[in-house]
């Protein structure tokens, strides 16, 4: 005889979309990012309420940066995977031979 009672759970699994905005620090080193921010921020706003104006400007800026990222940066996960693969191949080659100065410079930049 068991002292456990069966439990029936019923519900829906819903997947929440991950539309959170995350700013990457390296973007500020790209000149076109500043231009995207400036263009979005400087669009005219018709509201006279300061907080509403700020909210609109921030929302437009986020949308502008997202569009900029999509067109200029692309899929960062894919790029990171490619960088890791190149690093692995250079380090493997380094075990078998001396890398050229260009290869060493590339390896240093990729690791940075």
PDB file of N, CA and C in Angstrom:
ATOM      1  N   UNK A   1       0.852  -1.173   0.000  1.00  0.00           N
ATOM      2  CA  UNK A   1       0.000   0.000   0.000  1.00  0.00           C
ATOM      3  C   UNK A   1       0.904   1.243   0.000  1.00  0.00           C
ATOM      4  N   UNK A   2       0.531   2.261  -0.785  1.00  0.00           N
ATOM      5  CA  UNK A   2       1.317   3.483  -0.907  1.00  0.00           C
ATOM      6  C   UNK A   2       0.645   4.618  -0.157  1.00  0.00           C
ATOM      7  N   UNK A   3       1.448   5.488   0.424  1.00  0.00           N
ATOM      8  CA  UNK A   3       0.878   6.656   1.110  1.00  0.00           C
ATOM      9  C   UNK A   3       0.874   7.902   0.204  1.00  0.00           C
ATOM     10  N   UNK A   4       1.180   7.696  -1.076  1.00  0.00           N
ATOM     11  CA  UNK A   4       1.204   8.812  -2.022  1.00  0.00           C
ATOM     12  C   UNK A   4      -0.167   8.995  -2.665  1.00  0.00           C
ATOM     13  N   UNK A   5      -0.519  10.229  -2.889  1.00  0.00           N
ATOM     14  CA  UNK A   5      -1.773  10.545  -3.557  1.00  0.00           C
ATOM     15  C   UNK A   5      -1.447  11.079  -4.937  1.00  0.00           C
ATOM     16  N   UNK A   6      -2.083  10.542  -5.964  1.00  0.00           N
ATOM     17  CA  UNK A   6      -1.804  11.046  -7.313  1.00  0.00           C
ATOM     18  C   UNK A   6      -2.190  12.520  -7.428  1.00  0.00           C
ATOM     19  N   UNK A   7      -1.399  13.235  -8.208  1.00  0.00           N
ATOM     20  CA  UNK A   7      -1.646  14.658  -8.401  1.00  0.00           C
ATOM     21  C   UNK A   7      -1.764  14.912  -9.891  1.00  0.00           C
ATOM     22  N   UNK A   8      -2.846  15.514 -10.290  1.00  0.00           N
ATOM     23  CA  UNK A   8      -3.060  15.828 -11.688  1.00  0.00           C
ATOM     24  C   UNK A   8      -2.864  17.329 -11.876  1.00  0.00           C
ATOM     25  N   UNK A   9      -1.887  17.676 -12.709  1.00  0.00           N
ATOM     26  CA  UNK A   9      -1.635  19.081 -13.019  1.00  0.00           C
ATOM     27  C   UNK A   9      -2.100  19.347 -14.432  1.00  0.00           C
ATOM     28  N   UNK A  10      -2.791  20.441 -14.596  1.00  0.00           N
ATOM     29  CA  UNK A  10      -3.262  20.797 -15.914  1.00  0.00           C
ATOM     30  C   UNK A  10      -2.967  22.272 -16.116  1.00  0.00           C
ATOM     31  N   UNK A  11      -2.447  22.607 -17.281  1.00  0.00           N
ATOM     32  CA  UNK A  11      -2.143  24.007 -17.545  1.00  0.00           C
ATOM     33  C   UNK A  11      -1.561  24.162 -18.927  1.00  0.00           C
ATOM     34  N   UNK A  12      -1.159  25.357 -19.198  1.00  0.00           N
ATOM     35  CA  UNK A  12      -0.574  25.664 -20.489  1.00  0.00           C
ATOM     36  C   UNK A  12       0.853  26.134 -20.296  1.00  0.00           C
ATOM     37  N   UNK A  13       1.700  25.653 -21.139  1.00  0.00           N
ATOM     38  CA  UNK A  13       3.061  26.160 -21.157  1.00  0.00           C
ATOM     39  C   UNK A  13       3.118  27.250 -22.209  1.00  0.00           C
ATOM     40  N   UNK A  14       3.370  28.430 -21.769  1.00  0.00           N
ATOM     41  CA  UNK A  14       3.488  29.518 -22.738  1.00  0.00           C
ATOM     42  C   UNK A  14       4.908  30.040 -22.708  1.00  0.00           C
ATOM     43  N   UNK A  15       5.393  30.290 -23.862  1.00  0.00           N
ATOM     44  CA  UNK A  15       6.754  30.799 -23.969  1.00  0.00           C
ATOM     45  C   UNK A  15       6.691  32.306 -24.117  1.00  0.00           C
ATOM     46  N   UNK A  16       7.301  32.989 -23.173  1.00  0.00           N
ATOM     47  CA  UNK A  16       7.317  34.437 -23.233  1.00  0.00           C
ATOM     48  C   UNK A  16       8.375  34.880 -24.229  1.00  0.00           C
ATOM     49  N   UNK A  17       8.009  35.863 -25.024  1.00  0.00           N
ATOM     50  CA  UNK A  17       9.000  36.370 -25.970  1.00  0.00           C
ATOM     51  C   UNK A  17      10.039  37.182 -25.217  1.00  0.00           C
ATOM     52  N   UNK A  18      11.260  37.080 -25.669  1.00  0.00           N
ATOM     53  CA  UNK A  18      12.361  37.780 -25.023  1.00  0.00           C
ATOM     54  C   UNK A  18      12.697  39.025 -25.845  1.00  0.00           C
ATOM     55  N   UNK A  19      11.889  40.040 -25.686  1.00  0.00           N
ATOM     56  CA  UNK A  19      12.097  41.279 -26.424  1.00  0.00           C
ATOM     57  C   UNK A  19      12.829  42.325 -25.588  1.00  0.00           C
ATOM     58  N   UNK A  20      13.554  41.872 -24.600  1.00  0.00           N
ATOM     59  CA  UNK A  20      14.290  42.808 -23.771  1.00  0.00           C
ATOM     60  C   UNK A  20      15.431  43.418 -24.576  1.00  0.00           C
ATOM     61  N   UNK A  21      15.660  44.669 -24.321  1.00  0.00           N
ATOM     62  CA  UNK A  21      16.728  45.366 -25.022  1.00  0.00           C
ATOM     63  C   UNK A  21      18.014  45.237 -24.225  1.00  0.00           C
ATOM     64  N   UNK A  22      19.069  44.812 -24.897  1.00  0.00           N
ATOM     65  CA  UNK A  22      20.383  44.717 -24.248  1.00  0.00           C
ATOM     66  C   UNK A  22      21.388  45.469 -25.101  1.00  0.00           C
ATOM     67  N   UNK A  23      22.013  46.444 -24.493  1.00  0.00           N
ATOM     68  CA  UNK A  23      23.015  47.244 -25.191  1.00  0.00           C
ATOM     69  C   UNK A  23      24.378  46.602 -25.002  1.00  0.00           C
ATOM     70  N   UNK A  24      25.101  46.428 -26.077  1.00  0.00           N
ATOM     71  CA  UNK A  24      26.443  45.845 -26.023  1.00  0.00           C
ATOM     72  C   UNK A  24      27.471  46.967 -26.019  1.00  0.00           C
ATOM     73  N   UNK A  25      28.436  46.882 -25.127  1.00  0.00           N
ATOM     74  CA  UNK A  25      29.433  47.943 -24.967  1.00  0.00           C
ATOM     75  C   UNK A  25      30.246  48.219 -26.226  1.00  0.00           C
ATOM     76  N   UNK A  26      30.514  47.188 -27.029  1.00  0.00           N
ATOM     77  CA  UNK A  26      31.350  47.402 -28.211  1.00  0.00           C
ATOM     78  C   UNK A  26      30.652  48.246 -29.276  1.00  0.00           C
ATOM     79  N   UNK A  27      29.336  48.399 -29.176  1.00  0.00           N
ATOM     80  CA  UNK A  27      28.615  49.200 -30.160  1.00  0.00           C
ATOM     81  C   UNK A  27      29.080  50.647 -30.175  1.00  0.00           C
ATOM     82  N   UNK A  28      29.472  51.182 -29.024  1.00  0.00           N
ATOM     83  CA  UNK A  28      29.855  52.597 -28.971  1.00  0.00           C
ATOM     84  C   UNK A  28      31.123  52.868 -29.775  1.00  0.00           C
ATOM     85  N   UNK A  29      31.877  51.839 -30.078  1.00  0.00           N
ATOM     86  CA  UNK A  29      33.086  52.007 -30.891  1.00  0.00           C
ATOM     87  C   UNK A  29      32.769  52.041 -32.385  1.00  0.00           C
ATOM     88  N   UNK A  30      31.528  51.831 -32.713  1.00  0.00           N
ATOM     89  CA  UNK A  30      31.114  51.845 -34.111  1.00  0.00           C
ATOM     90  C   UNK A  30      30.416  53.174 -34.394  1.00  0.00           C
ATOM     91  N   UNK A  31      30.973  53.914 -35.325  1.00  0.00           N
ATOM     92  CA  UNK A  31      30.476  55.257 -35.613  1.00  0.00           C
ATOM     93  C   UNK A  31      29.009  55.254 -36.026  1.00  0.00           C
ATOM     94  N   UNK A  32      28.596  54.266 -36.785  1.00  0.00           N
ATOM     95  CA  UNK A  32      27.219  54.235 -37.268  1.00  0.00           C
ATOM     96  C   UNK A  32      26.205  54.053 -36.141  1.00  0.00           C
ATOM     97  N   UNK A  33      26.628  53.517 -34.996  1.00  0.00           N
ATOM     98  CA  UNK A  33      25.729  53.377 -33.854  1.00  0.00           C
ATOM     99  C   UNK A  33      25.351  54.755 -33.325  1.00  0.00           C
ATOM    100  N   UNK A  34      26.331  55.628 -33.183  1.00  0.00           N
ATOM    101  CA  UNK A  34      26.067  56.986 -32.705  1.00  0.00           C
ATOM    102  C   UNK A  34      25.094  57.697 -33.639  1.00  0.00           C
ATOM    103  N   UNK A  35      25.283  57.501 -34.930  1.00  0.00           N
ATOM    104  CA  UNK A  35      24.395  58.123 -35.908  1.00  0.00           C
ATOM    105  C   UNK A  35      22.968  57.596 -35.776  1.00  0.00           C
ATOM    106  N   UNK A  36      22.814  56.294 -35.537  1.00  0.00           N
ATOM    107  CA  UNK A  36      21.485  55.706 -35.364  1.00  0.00           C
ATOM    108  C   UNK A  36      20.798  56.273 -34.130  1.00  0.00           C
ATOM    109  N   UNK A  37      21.547  56.409 -33.043  1.00  0.00           N
ATOM    110  CA  UNK A  37      20.996  56.973 -31.807  1.00  0.00           C
ATOM    111  C   UNK A  37      20.599  58.432 -32.033  1.00  0.00           C
ATOM    112  N   UNK A  38      21.482  59.174 -32.637  1.00  0.00           N
ATOM    113  CA  UNK A  38      21.228  60.594 -32.871  1.00  0.00           C
ATOM    114  C   UNK A  38      20.002  60.805 -33.772  1.00  0.00           C
ATOM    115  N   UNK A  39      19.880  60.019 -34.821  1.00  0.00           N
ATOM    116  CA  UNK A  39      18.735  60.131 -35.735  1.00  0.00           C
ATOM    117  C   UNK A  39      17.429  59.837 -35.003  1.00  0.00           C
ATOM    118  N   UNK A  40      17.411  58.746 -34.224  1.00  0.00           N
ATOM    119  CA  UNK A  40      16.185  58.373 -33.505  1.00  0.00           C
ATOM    120  C   UNK A  40      15.851  59.401 -32.422  1.00  0.00           C
ATOM    121  N   UNK A  41      16.844  59.866 -31.696  1.00  0.00           N
ATOM    122  CA  UNK A  41      16.624  60.793 -30.587  1.00  0.00           C
ATOM    123  C   UNK A  41      16.132  62.161 -31.076  1.00  0.00           C
ATOM    124  N   UNK A  42      16.613  62.602 -32.220  1.00  0.00           N
ATOM    125  CA  UNK A  42      16.304  63.945 -32.709  1.00  0.00           C
ATOM    126  C   UNK A  42      14.994  64.046 -33.494  1.00  0.00           C
ATOM    127  N   UNK A  43      14.263  62.940 -33.643  1.00  0.00           N
ATOM    128  CA  UNK A  43      12.958  63.023 -34.298  1.00  0.00           C
ATOM    129  C   UNK A  43      12.027  63.876 -33.443  1.00  0.00           C
ATOM    130  N   UNK A  44      11.212  64.718 -34.068  1.00  0.00           N
ATOM    131  CA  UNK A  44      10.325  65.595 -33.289  1.00  0.00           C
ATOM    132  C   UNK A  44       9.253  64.805 -32.536  1.00  0.00           C
ATOM    133  N   UNK A  45       8.900  65.304 -31.356  1.00  0.00           N
ATOM    134  CA  UNK A  45       7.870  64.705 -30.504  1.00  0.00           C
ATOM    135  C   UNK A  45       6.799  65.763 -30.275  1.00  0.00           C
ATOM    136  N   UNK A  46       5.538  65.380 -30.441  1.00  0.00           N
ATOM    137  CA  UNK A  46       4.444  66.342 -30.338  1.00  0.00           C
ATOM    138  C   UNK A  46       3.877  66.499 -28.936  1.00  0.00           C
ATOM    139  N   UNK A  47       4.361  65.762 -27.979  1.00  0.00           N
ATOM    140  CA  UNK A  47       3.836  65.842 -26.618  1.00  0.00           C
ATOM    141  C   UNK A  47       4.508  66.981 -25.853  1.00  0.00           C
ATOM    142  N   UNK A  48       3.728  67.640 -25.000  1.00  0.00           N
ATOM    143  CA  UNK A  48       4.295  68.710 -24.170  1.00  0.00           C
ATOM    144  C   UNK A  48       4.671  68.196 -22.777  1.00  0.00           C
ATOM    145  N   UNK A  49       4.213  66.997 -22.440  1.00  0.00           N
ATOM    146  CA  UNK A  49       4.528  66.424 -21.130  1.00  0.00           C
ATOM    147  C   UNK A  49       5.951  65.874 -21.144  1.00  0.00           C
ATOM    148  N   UNK A  50       6.801  66.376 -20.247  1.00  0.00           N
ATOM    149  CA  UNK A  50       8.219  65.977 -20.261  1.00  0.00           C
ATOM    150  C   UNK A  50       8.458  64.468 -20.153  1.00  0.00           C
ATOM    151  N   UNK A  51       7.755  63.779 -19.249  1.00  0.00           N
ATOM    152  CA  UNK A  51       7.981  62.337 -19.093  1.00  0.00           C
ATOM    153  C   UNK A  51       7.502  61.558 -20.305  1.00  0.00           C
ATOM    154  N   UNK A  52       6.398  61.986 -20.892  1.00  0.00           N
ATOM    155  CA  UNK A  52       5.907  61.323 -22.103  1.00  0.00           C
ATOM    156  C   UNK A  52       6.884  61.544 -23.252  1.00  0.00           C
ATOM    157  N   UNK A  53       7.437  62.764 -23.352  1.00  0.00           N
ATOM    158  CA  UNK A  53       8.434  63.054 -24.390  1.00  0.00           C
ATOM    159  C   UNK A  53       9.654  62.147 -24.215  1.00  0.00           C
ATOM    160  N   UNK A  54      10.130  62.038 -22.976  1.00  0.00           N
ATOM    161  CA  UNK A  54      11.284  61.188 -22.691  1.00  0.00           C
ATOM    162  C   UNK A  54      10.986  59.734 -23.047  1.00  0.00           C
ATOM    163  N   UNK A  55       9.811  59.248 -22.650  1.00  0.00           N
ATOM    164  CA  UNK A  55       9.418  57.870 -22.948  1.00  0.00           C
ATOM    165  C   UNK A  55       9.409  57.627 -24.465  1.00  0.00           C
ATOM    166  N   UNK A  56       8.834  58.536 -25.208  1.00  0.00           N
ATOM    167  CA  UNK A  56       8.767  58.399 -26.660  1.00  0.00           C
ATOM    168  C   UNK A  56      10.169  58.402 -27.264  1.00  0.00           C
ATOM    169  N   UNK A  57      11.015  59.320 -26.804  1.00  0.00           N
ATOM    170  CA  UNK A  57      12.382  59.400 -27.328  1.00  0.00           C
ATOM    171  C   UNK A  57      13.170  58.122 -27.027  1.00  0.00           C
ATOM    172  N   UNK A  58      13.025  57.606 -25.800  1.00  0.00           N
ATOM    173  CA  UNK A  58      13.733  56.374 -25.444  1.00  0.00           C
ATOM    174  C   UNK A  58      13.220  55.186 -26.258  1.00  0.00           C
ATOM    175  N   UNK A  59      11.906  55.087 -26.413  1.00  0.00           N
ATOM    176  CA  UNK A  59      11.339  53.978 -27.189  1.00  0.00           C
ATOM    177  C   UNK A  59      11.805  54.049 -28.641  1.00  0.00           C
ATOM    178  N   UNK A  60      11.811  55.243 -29.222  1.00  0.00           N
ATOM    179  CA  UNK A  60      12.286  55.405 -30.599  1.00  0.00           C
ATOM    180  C   UNK A  60      13.764  55.074 -30.725  1.00  0.00           C
ATOM    181  N   UNK A  61      14.534  55.463 -29.720  1.00  0.00           N
ATOM    182  CA  UNK A  61      15.975  55.196 -29.748  1.00  0.00           C
ATOM    183  C   UNK A  61      16.237  53.699 -29.664  1.00  0.00           C
ATOM    184  N   UNK A  62      15.531  53.016 -28.794  1.00  0.00           N
ATOM    185  CA  UNK A  62      15.691  51.560 -28.691  1.00  0.00           C
ATOM    186  C   UNK A  62      15.335  50.898 -30.020  1.00  0.00           C
ATOM    187  N   UNK A  63      14.215  51.305 -30.613  1.00  0.00           N
ATOM    188  CA  UNK A  63      13.807  50.740 -31.900  1.00  0.00           C
ATOM    189  C   UNK A  63      14.856  51.043 -32.970  1.00  0.00           C
ATOM    190  N   UNK A  64      15.392  52.264 -32.962  1.00  0.00           N
ATOM    191  CA  UNK A  64      16.422  52.632 -33.928  1.00  0.00           C
ATOM    192  C   UNK A  64      17.680  51.800 -33.776  1.00  0.00           C
ATOM    193  N   UNK A  65      18.096  51.565 -32.533  1.00  0.00           N
ATOM    194  CA  UNK A  65      19.294  50.753 -32.288  1.00  0.00           C
ATOM    195  C   UNK A  65      19.039  49.299 -32.688  1.00  0.00           C
ATOM    196  N   UNK A  66      17.846  48.787 -32.396  1.00  0.00           N
ATOM    197  CA  UNK A  66      17.526  47.410 -32.797  1.00  0.00           C
ATOM    198  C   UNK A  66      17.593  47.269 -34.312  1.00  0.00           C
ATOM    199  N   UNK A  67      17.037  48.224 -35.031  1.00  0.00           N
ATOM    200  CA  UNK A  67      17.090  48.178 -36.499  1.00  0.00           C
ATOM    201  C   UNK A  67      18.525  48.309 -36.993  1.00  0.00           C
ATOM    202  N   UNK A  68      19.301  49.185 -36.361  1.00  0.00           N
ATOM    203  CA  UNK A  68      20.709  49.355 -36.725  1.00  0.00           C
ATOM    204  C   UNK A  68      21.466  48.045 -36.498  1.00  0.00           C
ATOM    205  N   UNK A  69      21.230  47.435 -35.337  1.00  0.00           N
ATOM    206  CA  UNK A  69      21.915  46.177 -34.993  1.00  0.00           C
ATOM    207  C   UNK A  69      21.594  45.101 -36.022  1.00  0.00           C
ATOM    208  N   UNK A  70      20.320  45.008 -36.387  1.00  0.00           N
ATOM    209  CA  UNK A  70      19.909  43.983 -37.345  1.00  0.00           C
ATOM    210  C   UNK A  70      20.612  44.168 -38.690  1.00  0.00           C
ATOM    211  N   UNK A  71      20.763  45.425 -39.123  1.00  0.00           N
ATOM    212  CA  UNK A  71      21.354  45.668 -40.438  1.00  0.00           C
ATOM    213  C   UNK A  71      22.883  45.720 -40.416  1.00  0.00           C
ATOM    214  N   UNK A  72      23.483  46.191 -39.325  1.00  0.00           N
ATOM    215  CA  UNK A  72      24.938  46.378 -39.281  1.00  0.00           C
ATOM    216  C   UNK A  72      25.686  45.272 -38.551  1.00  0.00           C
ATOM    217  N   UNK A  73      25.109  44.726 -37.527  1.00  0.00           N
ATOM    218  CA  UNK A  73      25.804  43.736 -36.698  1.00  0.00           C
ATOM    219  C   UNK A  73      25.428  42.320 -37.105  1.00  0.00           C
ATOM    220  N   UNK A  74      24.153  42.067 -37.267  1.00  0.00           N
ATOM    221  CA  UNK A  74      23.699  40.729 -37.638  1.00  0.00           C
ATOM    222  C   UNK A  74      23.590  39.821 -36.431  1.00  0.00           C
ATOM    223  N   UNK A  75      23.747  38.550 -36.667  1.00  0.00           N
ATOM    224  CA  UNK A  75      23.599  37.532 -35.632  1.00  0.00           C
ATOM    225  C   UNK A  75      24.905  37.406 -34.845  1.00  0.00           C
ATOM    226  N   UNK A  76      24.934  37.970 -33.646  1.00  0.00           N
ATOM    227  CA  UNK A  76      26.165  37.962 -32.854  1.00  0.00           C
ATOM    228  C   UNK A  76      26.525  36.559 -32.371  1.00  0.00           C
ATOM    229  N   UNK A  77      25.538  35.709 -32.156  1.00  0.00           N
ATOM    230  CA  UNK A  77      25.846  34.328 -31.736  1.00  0.00           C
ATOM    231  C   UNK A  77      26.614  33.593 -32.831  1.00  0.00           C
ATOM    232  N   UNK A  78      26.171  33.783 -34.064  1.00  0.00           N
ATOM    233  CA  UNK A  78      26.860  33.149 -35.189  1.00  0.00           C
ATOM    234  C   UNK A  78      28.274  33.703 -35.320  1.00  0.00           C
ATOM    235  N   UNK A  79      28.409  35.006 -35.205  1.00  0.00           N
ATOM    236  CA  UNK A  79      29.734  35.627 -35.306  1.00  0.00           C
ATOM    237  C   UNK A  79      30.654  35.133 -34.195  1.00  0.00           C
ATOM    238  N   UNK A  80      30.125  35.006 -32.978  1.00  0.00           N
ATOM    239  CA  UNK A  80      30.929  34.511 -31.863  1.00  0.00           C
ATOM    240  C   UNK A  80      31.374  33.073 -32.109  1.00  0.00           C
ATOM    241  N   UNK A  81      30.488  32.254 -32.645  1.00  0.00           N
ATOM    242  CA  UNK A  81      30.849  30.867 -32.957  1.00  0.00           C
ATOM    243  C   UNK A  81      31.958  30.822 -34.006  1.00  0.00           C
ATOM    244  N   UNK A  82      31.884  31.693 -34.994  1.00  0.00           N
ATOM    245  CA  UNK A  82      32.920  31.746 -36.028  1.00  0.00           C
ATOM    246  C   UNK A  82      34.252  32.177 -35.426  1.00  0.00           C
ATOM    247  N   UNK A  83      34.221  33.190 -34.562  1.00  0.00           N
ATOM    248  CA  UNK A  83      35.446  33.673 -33.909  1.00  0.00           C
ATOM    249  C   UNK A  83      36.071  32.558 -33.073  1.00  0.00           C
ATOM    250  N   UNK A  84      35.250  31.831 -32.316  1.00  0.00           N
ATOM    251  CA  UNK A  84      35.771  30.740 -31.490  1.00  0.00           C
ATOM    252  C   UNK A  84      36.410  29.656 -32.354  1.00  0.00           C
ATOM    253  N   UNK A  85      35.805  29.371 -33.492  1.00  0.00           N
ATOM    254  CA  UNK A  85      36.355  28.363 -34.406  1.00  0.00           C
ATOM    255  C   UNK A  85      37.702  28.816 -34.957  1.00  0.00           C
ATOM    256  N   UNK A  86      37.812  30.073 -35.336  1.00  0.00           N
ATOM    257  CA  UNK A  86      39.084  30.597 -35.865  1.00  0.00           C
ATOM    258  C   UNK A  86      40.155  30.560 -34.786  1.00  0.00           C
ATOM    259  N   UNK A  87      39.798  30.943 -33.561  1.00  0.00           N
ATOM    260  CA  UNK A  87      40.754  30.896 -32.442  1.00  0.00           C
ATOM    261  C   UNK A  87      41.240  29.463 -32.243  1.00  0.00           C
ATOM    262  N   UNK A  88      40.315  28.516 -32.245  1.00  0.00           N
ATOM    263  CA  UNK A  88      40.677  27.111 -32.067  1.00  0.00           C
ATOM    264  C   UNK A  88      41.635  26.647 -33.155  1.00  0.00           C
ATOM    265  N   UNK A  89      41.342  27.004 -34.395  1.00  0.00           N
ATOM    266  CA  UNK A  89      42.207  26.583 -35.505  1.00  0.00           C
ATOM    267  C   UNK A  89      43.587  27.231 -35.428  1.00  0.00           C
ATOM    268  N   UNK A  90      43.644  28.496 -35.042  1.00  0.00           N
ATOM    269  CA  UNK A  90      44.946  29.157 -34.907  1.00  0.00           C
ATOM    270  C   UNK A  90      45.750  28.557 -33.765  1.00  0.00           C
ATOM    271  N   UNK A  91      45.091  28.263 -32.645  1.00  0.00           N
ATOM    272  CA  UNK A  91      45.797  27.660 -31.516  1.00  0.00           C
ATOM    273  C   UNK A  91      46.263  26.243 -31.844  1.00  0.00           C
ATOM    274  N   UNK A  92      45.465  25.515 -32.604  1.00  0.00           N
ATOM    275  CA  UNK A  92      45.872  24.173 -33.042  1.00  0.00           C
ATOM    276  C   UNK A  92      47.080  24.268 -33.975  1.00  0.00           C
ATOM    277  N   UNK A  93      47.032  25.220 -34.894  1.00  0.00           N
ATOM    278  CA  UNK A  93      48.162  25.409 -35.814  1.00  0.00           C
ATOM    279  C   UNK A  93      49.409  25.831 -35.054  1.00  0.00           C
ATOM    280  N   UNK A  94      49.228  26.610 -33.988  1.00  0.00           N
ATOM    281  CA  UNK A  94      50.366  27.100 -33.194  1.00  0.00           C
ATOM    282  C   UNK A  94      51.094  25.946 -32.500  1.00  0.00           C
ATOM    283  N   UNK A  95      50.376  24.882 -32.212  1.00  0.00           N
ATOM    284  CA  UNK A  95      51.004  23.719 -31.587  1.00  0.00           C
ATOM    285  C   UNK A  95      51.902  22.976 -32.571  1.00  0.00           C
ATOM    286  N   UNK A  96      51.633  23.114 -33.864  1.00  0.00           N
ATOM    287  CA  UNK A  96      52.384  22.384 -34.887  1.00  0.00           C
ATOM    288  C   UNK A  96      53.447  23.227 -35.582  1.00  0.00           C
ATOM    289  N   UNK A  97      53.261  24.526 -35.585  1.00  0.00           N
ATOM    290  CA  UNK A  97      54.202  25.399 -36.294  1.00  0.00           C
ATOM    291  C   UNK A  97      54.181  26.784 -35.666  1.00  0.00           C
ATOM    292  N   UNK A  98      55.118  27.609 -36.085  1.00  0.00           N
ATOM    293  CA  UNK A  98      55.153  28.990 -35.626  1.00  0.00           C
ATOM    294  C   UNK A  98      54.190  29.805 -36.496  1.00  0.00           C
ATOM    295  N   UNK A  99      53.320  30.551 -35.834  1.00  0.00           N
ATOM    296  CA  UNK A  99      52.367  31.382 -36.575  1.00  0.00           C
ATOM    297  C   UNK A  99      53.061  32.603 -37.154  1.00  0.00           C
ATOM    298  N   UNK A 100      52.548  33.078 -38.279  1.00  0.00           N
ATOM    299  CA  UNK A 100      53.079  34.310 -38.865  1.00  0.00           C
ATOM    300  C   UNK A 100      52.661  35.484 -37.991  1.00  0.00           C
ATOM    301  N   UNK A 101      53.279  36.617 -38.199  1.00  0.00           N
ATOM    302  CA  UNK A 101      52.939  37.798 -37.413  1.00  0.00           C
ATOM    303  C   UNK A 101      51.483  38.208 -37.644  1.00  0.00           C
ATOM    304  N   UNK A 102      51.016  38.096 -38.873  1.00  0.00           N
ATOM    305  CA  UNK A 102      49.608  38.412 -39.171  1.00  0.00           C
ATOM    306  C   UNK A 102      48.659  37.478 -38.415  1.00  0.00           C
ATOM    307  N   UNK A 103      49.013  36.203 -38.360  1.00  0.00           N
ATOM    308  CA  UNK A 103      48.185  35.239 -37.627  1.00  0.00           C
ATOM    309  C   UNK A 103      48.188  35.532 -36.131  1.00  0.00           C
ATOM    310  N   UNK A 104      49.360  35.875 -35.594  1.00  0.00           N
ATOM    311  CA  UNK A 104      49.451  36.226 -34.173  1.00  0.00           C
ATOM    312  C   UNK A 104      48.632  37.479 -33.854  1.00  0.00           C
ATOM    313  N   UNK A 105      48.707  38.469 -34.748  1.00  0.00           N
ATOM    314  CA  UNK A 105      47.921  39.699 -34.556  1.00  0.00           C
ATOM    315  C   UNK A 105      46.425  39.404 -34.589  1.00  0.00           C
ATOM    316  N   UNK A 106      46.011  38.565 -35.532  1.00  0.00           N
ATOM    317  CA  UNK A 106      44.609  38.202 -35.646  1.00  0.00           C
ATOM    318  C   UNK A 106      44.154  37.455 -34.393  1.00  0.00           C
ATOM    319  N   UNK A 107      44.953  36.524 -33.935  1.00  0.00           N
ATOM    320  CA  UNK A 107      44.615  35.753 -32.734  1.00  0.00           C
ATOM    321  C   UNK A 107      44.464  36.679 -31.533  1.00  0.00           C
ATOM    322  N   UNK A 108      45.357  37.620 -31.396  1.00  0.00           N
ATOM    323  CA  UNK A 108      45.291  38.575 -30.285  1.00  0.00           C
ATOM    324  C   UNK A 108      44.021  39.418 -30.365  1.00  0.00           C
ATOM    325  N   UNK A 109      43.697  39.900 -31.565  1.00  0.00           N
ATOM    326  CA  UNK A 109      42.494  40.724 -31.742  1.00  0.00           C
ATOM    327  C   UNK A 109      41.228  39.926 -31.470  1.00  0.00           C
ATOM    328  N   UNK A 110      41.190  38.680 -31.938  1.00  0.00           N
ATOM    329  CA  UNK A 110      40.014  37.854 -31.732  1.00  0.00           C
ATOM    330  C   UNK A 110      39.811  37.521 -30.257  1.00  0.00           C
ATOM    331  N   UNK A 111      40.882  37.276 -29.543  1.00  0.00           N
ATOM    332  CA  UNK A 111      40.767  36.994 -28.113  1.00  0.00           C
ATOM    333  C   UNK A 111      40.342  38.225 -27.318  1.00  0.00           C
ATOM    334  N   UNK A 112      40.712  39.398 -27.838  1.00  0.00           N
ATOM    335  CA  UNK A 112      40.345  40.660 -27.172  1.00  0.00           C
ATOM    336  C   UNK A 112      38.882  40.951 -27.347  1.00  0.00           C
TER     337      UNK A 112
END
